[in-house]
Amino acid sequence: MRIHVEQERCVGAGMCALTAPSVFTQDDDGFSEVLPGREDGGGDPLVHEAARTCPVQAVTVEET
């Protein structure tokens, strides 16, 4: 899978980082981003839930 956070859409709610902290973090400005090397989700079962909880649908998960 490939995970992407659309920076232009992100509002910094942090739901993805709270739901799947092994995959997502927040940058210095409070916006979400995928941790380096975790773009494939690293097998975290909560990645899809993290995408679902994003209030502005800034997180996408593409099955490869």
Protein backbone atom coordinates (compact mmCIF):
# COMPACT_ATOMS: atom_id res chain seq x y z
CA MET A 1 0.00 0.00 0.00
CA ARG A 2 1.00 3.63 -0.46
CA ILE A 3 0.02 6.32 2.02
CA HIS A 4 -0.14 10.01 1.23
CA VAL A 5 -1.13 13.14 3.17
CA GLU A 6 -2.34 15.95 0.95
CA GLN A 7 -0.61 18.91 2.62
CA GLU A 8 -2.81 21.52 0.94
CA ARG A 9 -5.92 19.89 2.41
CA CYS A 10 -4.61 19.00 5.89
CA VAL A 11 -5.96 21.20 8.71
CA GLY A 12 -3.75 19.73 11.44
CA ALA A 13 -6.46 17.90 13.38
CA GLY A 14 -3.91 15.17 14.14
CA MET A 15 -6.39 12.30 14.08
CA CYS A 16 -4.11 10.20 11.86
CA ALA A 17 -1.15 10.66 14.23
CA LEU A 18 -3.33 9.77 17.22
CA THR A 19 -4.76 6.71 15.49
CA ALA A 20 -1.58 5.31 13.89
CA PRO A 21 1.41 6.98 15.59
CA SER A 22 3.84 4.46 14.11
CA VAL A 23 3.01 5.78 10.62
CA PHE A 24 1.98 9.44 11.02
CA THR A 25 3.38 12.45 12.82
CA GLN A 26 2.82 16.20 12.80
CA ASP A 27 5.39 18.67 11.51
CA ASP A 28 6.52 21.82 13.31
CA ASP A 29 3.46 23.68 11.98
CA GLY A 30 1.07 21.01 13.26
CA PHE A 31 0.26 19.46 9.89
CA SER A 32 0.26 15.71 9.44
CA GLU A 33 2.84 13.81 7.48
CA VAL A 34 3.90 10.22 6.96
CA LEU A 35 6.98 9.25 8.91
CA PRO A 36 10.06 8.65 6.73
CA GLY A 37 10.22 5.07 5.55
CA ARG A 38 6.61 4.38 6.52
CA GLU A 39 4.98 5.30 3.19
CA ASP A 40 3.97 1.65 2.80
CA GLY A 41 2.23 1.59 6.19
CA GLY A 42 4.70 -0.83 7.70
CA GLY A 43 1.95 -3.37 8.22
CA ASP A 44 0.14 -1.17 10.75
CA PRO A 45 -3.48 -2.37 10.86
CA LEU A 46 -4.70 1.10 11.91
CA VAL A 47 -3.66 2.91 8.72
CA HIS A 48 -7.09 2.58 7.10
CA GLU A 49 -8.76 3.73 10.31
CA ALA A 50 -6.43 6.74 10.43
CA ALA A 51 -7.45 7.71 6.90
CA ARG A 52 -11.12 7.28 7.78
CA THR A 53 -10.85 9.54 10.84
CA CYS A 54 -9.34 12.47 8.93
CA PRO A 55 -12.01 15.19 9.05
CA VAL A 56 -11.00 16.62 5.65
CA GLN A 57 -9.99 13.37 3.89
CA ALA A 58 -6.39 14.54 3.49
CA VAL A 59 -5.05 11.01 4.04
CA THR A 60 -5.27 8.53 1.19
CA VAL A 61 -4.35 4.86 1.22
CA GLU A 62 -3.77 3.25 -2.13
CA GLU A 63 -3.58 -0.53 -2.29
CA THR A 64 -0.71 -1.65 -4.52
